[in-house]
Protein backbone atom coordinates (compact mmCIF):
# COMPACT_ATOMS: atom_id res chain seq x y z
CA MET A 1 -0.02 0.06 -0.02
CA LEU A 2 2.85 2.33 0.68
CA ALA A 3 4.10 1.68 -2.82
CA TYR A 4 0.99 3.34 -4.29
CA ILE A 5 1.88 6.68 -2.77
CA LEU A 6 5.75 6.52 -3.18
CA GLU A 7 6.09 4.98 -6.65
CA GLU A 8 5.21 6.65 -9.99
CA PRO A 9 2.26 4.89 -11.64
CA PRO A 10 3.16 2.88 -14.73
CA LYS A 11 3.12 4.78 -18.03
CA ALA A 12 -0.01 4.62 -20.06
CA ILE A 13 -0.16 1.61 -22.25
CA GLU A 14 -1.66 2.08 -25.74
CA GLY A 15 -5.20 0.59 -25.80
CA ALA A 16 -5.50 0.16 -22.14
CA ASP A 17 -8.66 1.27 -20.28
CA PRO A 18 -8.56 4.93 -19.34
CA GLN A 19 -10.57 4.29 -16.34
CA GLN A 20 -8.16 1.66 -15.09
CA GLN A 21 -5.23 4.08 -15.57
CA HIS A 22 -6.96 6.73 -13.78
CA THR A 23 -7.86 4.29 -10.90
CA ARG A 24 -4.21 3.21 -10.59
CA GLY A 25 -2.71 6.60 -10.94
CA HIS A 26 -5.26 8.55 -8.93
CA THR A 27 -7.74 6.73 -6.94
CA ILE A 28 -5.66 4.01 -5.41
CA PRO A 29 -2.80 6.47 -4.18
CA PHE A 30 -5.50 8.66 -2.80
CA VAL A 31 -7.13 5.86 -0.96
CA SER A 32 -3.89 4.52 0.43
CA SER A 33 -2.98 7.97 1.70
CA GLU A 34 -6.40 8.27 3.52
CA VAL A 35 -5.86 4.93 5.20
CA PHE A 36 -2.47 5.99 6.55
CA SER A 37 -4.03 9.43 7.42
CA SER A 38 -6.79 7.70 9.47
CA GLU A 39 -4.03 6.79 12.02
CA ILE A 40 -5.10 3.29 12.51
CA PRO A 41 -2.63 2.19 15.21
CA LYS A 42 -2.01 -1.18 13.67
CA VAL A 43 -1.12 0.39 10.37
CA ILE A 44 0.98 3.22 11.56
CA SER A 45 2.83 1.15 14.21
CA GLN A 46 4.47 -0.72 11.35
CA PHE A 47 6.79 2.22 10.66
CA PHE A 48 8.55 1.89 13.98
CA PHE A 49 6.95 -1.34 15.42
CA ASP A 50 5.84 0.27 18.67
CA THR A 51 3.74 -2.12 20.46
CA SER A 52 2.43 0.44 22.96
CA LEU A 53 0.01 1.61 20.12
CA LEU A 54 -1.37 -1.89 19.68
CA THR A 55 -2.12 -2.29 23.39
CA GLY A 56 -3.59 1.35 23.67
CA THR A 57 -0.91 2.57 26.03
CA GLN A 58 0.85 5.61 24.47
CA LYS A 59 4.25 6.81 25.63
CA ASP A 60 4.74 10.60 26.29
CA ASP A 61 6.46 11.59 23.22
CA THR A 62 5.85 15.38 23.62
CA SER A 63 9.51 16.31 24.19
CA VAL A 64 12.34 15.59 22.04
CA ASN A 65 15.63 14.77 23.55
CA PHE A 66 18.49 13.92 21.43
CA ASP A 67 20.59 12.01 24.20
CA GLU A 68 22.07 8.46 23.84
CA THR A 69 18.91 6.94 24.93
CA ASP A 70 17.07 8.15 21.90
CA SER A 71 19.78 6.82 19.64
CA ASP A 72 19.65 3.37 21.48
CA GLU A 73 15.72 3.58 21.09
CA ILE A 74 15.87 3.98 17.36
CA SER A 75 18.50 1.21 16.95
CA GLN A 76 16.24 -1.13 19.14
CA SER A 77 13.23 -0.42 17.04
CA ASN A 78 12.89 -1.35 13.45
CA PRO A 79 12.54 1.77 11.19
CA GLU A 80 13.34 -0.12 7.86
CA LEU A 81 9.79 0.70 6.47
CA PHE A 82 10.41 4.37 7.62
CA ALA A 83 13.65 4.43 5.70
CA VAL A 84 12.01 3.02 2.56
CA MET A 85 9.52 5.84 2.83
CA MET A 86 12.39 8.48 3.08
CA HIS A 87 14.04 6.98 0.00
CA PHE A 88 11.11 8.60 -1.93
CA LEU A 89 12.88 11.84 -1.47
CA ARG A 90 15.93 10.79 -3.54
CA ASN A 91 14.06 11.39 -6.70
CA PRO A 92 15.05 14.88 -8.07
CA ASN A 93 11.79 15.28 -10.12
CA LEU A 94 9.09 14.26 -7.49
CA ASN A 95 5.55 13.96 -8.74
CA PRO A 96 3.68 16.63 -7.04
CA VAL A 97 0.69 14.70 -6.29
CA LEU A 98 2.74 11.79 -4.77
CA ALA A 99 4.92 14.47 -2.90
CA GLY A 100 1.61 15.53 -1.33
CA TYR A 101 0.62 12.18 -0.20
CA PHE A 102 4.22 11.66 1.14
CA GLU A 103 3.91 14.87 3.17
CA LYS A 104 0.55 13.86 4.44
CA LEU A 105 2.02 10.53 5.72
CA PHE A 106 5.16 12.18 7.18
CA ILE A 107 3.10 14.55 9.13
CA VAL A 108 0.93 11.74 10.64
CA ILE A 109 4.14 9.83 11.61
CA VAL A 110 5.77 12.86 13.10
CA GLY A 111 2.58 13.38 15.08
CA ILE A 112 2.55 10.02 16.51
CA TYR A 113 6.37 9.14 16.78
CA PRO A 114 8.21 12.60 17.13
CA ARG A 115 10.99 11.11 19.10
CA GLN A 116 11.67 8.19 16.88
CA THR A 117 11.27 10.29 13.64
CA PHE A 118 13.73 13.04 14.70
CA SER A 119 16.12 10.50 16.14
CA PHE A 120 16.21 8.81 12.80
CA MET A 121 16.38 11.90 10.83
CA TYR A 122 19.40 13.32 12.89
CA THR A 123 21.33 10.11 13.80
CA THR A 124 21.12 7.79 10.80
CA ASN A 125 22.88 8.16 7.57
CA ASP A 126 19.36 7.43 5.78
CA GLY A 127 17.85 10.11 7.94
CA ILE A 128 20.47 12.81 7.20
CA GLU A 129 20.35 12.03 3.50
CA ALA A 130 16.45 12.23 3.67
CA LEU A 131 16.74 15.70 5.42
CA THR A 132 19.07 16.91 2.76
CA ASN A 133 16.84 15.68 -0.11
CA MET A 134 13.78 17.09 1.74
CA VAL A 135 15.35 20.50 1.63
CA ALA A 136 16.36 20.06 -1.95
CA ASN A 137 12.77 19.32 -2.94
CA LEU A 138 11.14 22.15 -0.98
CA ASP A 139 9.62 23.51 -4.11
CA ASN A 140 7.46 20.28 -4.73
């Protein structure tokens, strides 16, 4: 489902049904974005595998503290799906529609996982690269 909002839809095939092309290029990415934006705990928790969301017990993530415990926390979690999401920013010519869906998902994740998100962004090579690419793509 993440691929629908991060990957460019396939090019139009001659003779293909225009409705199917519209569905793949617009409807499915929109619906995928809406599912992520619904903040369903079992869906969003997959980005950092935070089991506290699955049990309904939320940790206090209101303050960001970049000390050693945060670095340890991110290495003990499993942010691989989040790293895959950040690779979207590597493309120098982002699709503006997909960039909007990416932004929407990023905002949801930051809202739920501020400490893990910023720990990833500032303490890992993938995160630093993503931050650099994010700034480079500000016009999208």
